[in-house]
Amino acid sequence: MSDNAGYDPRRSRVSEGTMMDFVRGTISGELTEVPGIGPKTAEKLAEGTEDGERVTNTYQLVGKFLMLKGPDTAESKVECMEHCEKFWYWLQSKGVSAHRSAIVKAVAQKVNGLMPGIYDPALYDEEEEDEE
């Protein structure tokens, strides 16, 4: 599969148990608490300038995810699938080369617990059925 394939929750190699522990648990702020983020990925996210592209904790990562929910216009709203794609490509732009889909899925599911409706995994199930 191409590195530029975009977000696909089926490509997450994180166990469902690990994912659910993160989604149900509290956030400490340590980036490596997010499934798919190890020390090297945390370093890549922390690189950059102070102008908002530098992410040093889980709260900032969630904030970046939420920032990518827009901008909405009168003609178009950023819906779930586009939102996840934007976050996936932002991670790619930060040099994150592994586990991007796992990171997107983890953050999206965590935020969906706080703001129901921001992430709908069923959208991806339907896409899978269409491919068969």
Protein backbone atom coordinates (compact mmCIF):
# COMPACT_ATOMS: atom_id res chain seq x y z
CA MET A 1 0.00 0.00 0.00
CA SER A 2 1.30 3.43 -0.90
CA ASP A 3 2.57 5.77 1.81
CA ASN A 4 0.25 8.43 0.34
CA ALA A 5 -2.91 6.33 0.60
CA GLY A 6 -4.48 8.53 3.29
CA TYR A 7 -6.32 7.58 6.44
CA ASP A 8 -7.77 4.12 6.72
CA PRO A 9 -8.67 2.82 10.20
CA ARG A 10 -8.19 -0.75 8.98
CA ARG A 11 -4.45 -0.05 8.63
CA SER A 12 -4.10 0.54 12.36
CA ARG A 13 -2.01 -2.25 13.85
CA VAL A 14 -2.81 -1.24 17.43
CA SER A 15 -4.78 -3.87 19.34
CA GLU A 16 -8.39 -3.07 20.13
CA GLY A 17 -7.62 -3.45 23.85
CA THR A 18 -4.81 -0.88 23.73
CA MET A 19 -7.01 1.48 21.71
CA MET A 20 -9.93 1.18 24.14
CA ASP A 21 -7.65 1.66 27.16
CA PHE A 22 -6.57 4.98 25.66
CA VAL A 23 -10.08 6.04 24.67
CA ARG A 24 -11.54 5.25 28.11
CA GLY A 25 -8.54 6.42 30.16
CA THR A 26 -7.44 9.82 31.34
CA ILE A 27 -4.94 11.93 29.47
CA SER A 28 -1.65 12.63 31.23
CA GLY A 29 -0.27 14.87 28.50
CA GLU A 30 2.61 12.56 27.57
CA LEU A 31 2.52 12.14 23.77
CA THR A 32 3.60 8.52 23.98
CA GLU A 33 0.33 7.66 25.74
CA VAL A 34 -1.37 7.92 22.33
CA PRO A 35 -1.41 4.53 20.60
CA GLY A 36 1.01 4.64 17.68
CA ILE A 37 3.24 7.35 19.15
CA GLY A 38 6.64 6.26 20.37
CA PRO A 39 9.64 8.36 21.38
CA LYS A 40 10.79 9.02 17.78
CA THR A 41 7.33 10.16 16.68
CA ALA A 42 7.05 12.38 19.77
CA GLU A 43 10.37 13.99 18.78
CA LYS A 44 9.11 14.62 15.24
CA LEU A 45 5.91 16.23 16.53
CA ALA A 46 7.91 18.49 18.84
CA GLU A 47 10.12 19.76 16.00
CA GLY A 48 9.30 23.07 14.41
CA THR A 49 8.48 26.55 15.48
CA GLU A 50 6.41 27.91 18.32
CA ASP A 51 3.71 29.09 15.87
CA GLY A 52 1.39 26.16 16.47
CA GLU A 53 3.15 23.48 14.48
CA ARG A 54 5.18 22.31 17.46
CA VAL A 55 3.27 19.68 19.44
CA THR A 56 4.79 18.63 22.75
CA ASN A 57 1.86 17.06 24.61
CA THR A 58 -1.38 15.16 24.08
CA TYR A 59 -3.51 18.24 24.72
CA GLN A 60 -1.83 20.11 21.85
CA LEU A 61 -2.26 17.07 19.60
CA VAL A 62 -5.98 16.98 20.34
CA GLY A 63 -6.08 20.73 19.73
CA LYS A 64 -4.42 20.30 16.34
CA PHE A 65 -6.94 17.60 15.47
CA LEU A 66 -9.79 19.96 16.38
CA MET A 67 -8.24 22.86 14.44
CA LEU A 68 -8.32 20.74 11.30
CA LYS A 69 -12.11 20.33 11.61
CA GLY A 70 -12.48 23.55 9.62
CA PRO A 71 -12.65 25.93 8.04
CA ASP A 72 -16.29 25.53 7.14
CA THR A 73 -17.88 27.67 4.46
CA ALA A 74 -21.49 28.35 3.56
CA GLU A 75 -21.16 25.78 0.77
CA SER A 76 -19.12 23.14 2.54
CA LYS A 77 -18.46 21.72 6.01
CA VAL A 78 -15.43 19.62 6.91
CA GLU A 79 -17.04 16.27 7.64
CA CYS A 80 -15.56 13.23 9.41
CA MET A 81 -13.70 11.60 6.52
CA GLU A 82 -12.14 14.83 5.26
CA HIS A 83 -11.24 15.79 8.84
CA CYS A 84 -9.39 12.50 9.43
CA GLU A 85 -7.62 12.85 6.07
CA LYS A 86 -6.45 16.34 6.99
CA PHE A 87 -5.04 15.10 10.29
CA TRP A 88 -3.38 12.09 8.62
CA TYR A 89 -1.67 14.35 6.07
CA TRP A 90 -0.67 16.83 8.77
CA LEU A 91 1.07 13.97 10.63
CA GLN A 92 2.79 13.06 7.36
CA SER A 93 3.95 16.68 6.94
CA LYS A 94 5.53 16.46 10.42
CA GLY A 95 7.61 13.51 9.24
CA VAL A 96 5.53 10.83 10.96
CA SER A 97 6.04 7.83 8.71
CA ALA A 98 4.62 5.00 10.80
CA HIS A 99 1.32 4.34 12.56
CA ARG A 100 -0.40 7.47 11.19
CA SER A 101 -3.73 5.66 10.84
CA ALA A 102 -3.47 4.38 14.42
CA ILE A 103 -2.76 7.88 15.72
CA VAL A 104 -5.67 9.37 13.78
CA LYS A 105 -8.02 6.62 14.96
CA ALA A 106 -6.93 6.98 18.60
CA VAL A 107 -7.29 10.76 18.71
CA ALA A 108 -10.56 10.73 16.74
CA GLN A 109 -12.10 8.11 19.02
CA LYS A 110 -10.89 9.92 22.15
CA VAL A 111 -12.34 13.25 20.99
CA ASN A 112 -15.56 11.54 19.89
CA GLY A 113 -16.06 10.52 23.52
CA LEU A 114 -15.99 14.19 24.46
CA MET A 115 -17.83 15.48 21.40
CA PRO A 116 -20.05 12.70 20.05
CA GLY A 117 -20.42 12.82 16.29
CA ILE A 118 -17.00 14.21 15.44
CA TYR A 119 -15.87 10.71 14.37
CA ASP A 120 -17.99 7.98 12.82
CA PRO A 121 -16.16 4.68 12.30
CA ALA A 122 -19.22 3.28 10.51
CA LEU A 123 -18.37 5.48 7.51
CA TYR A 124 -15.32 3.34 6.93
CA ASP A 125 -17.28 0.08 7.30
CA GLU A 126 -19.56 1.16 4.45
CA GLU A 127 -16.54 1.94 2.29
CA GLU A 128 -15.23 -1.58 2.92
CA GLU A 129 -18.56 -3.10 1.83
CA ASP A 130 -18.51 -1.02 -1.38
CA GLU A 131 -15.10 -2.46 -2.29
CA GLU A 132 -16.34 -6.06 -2.19
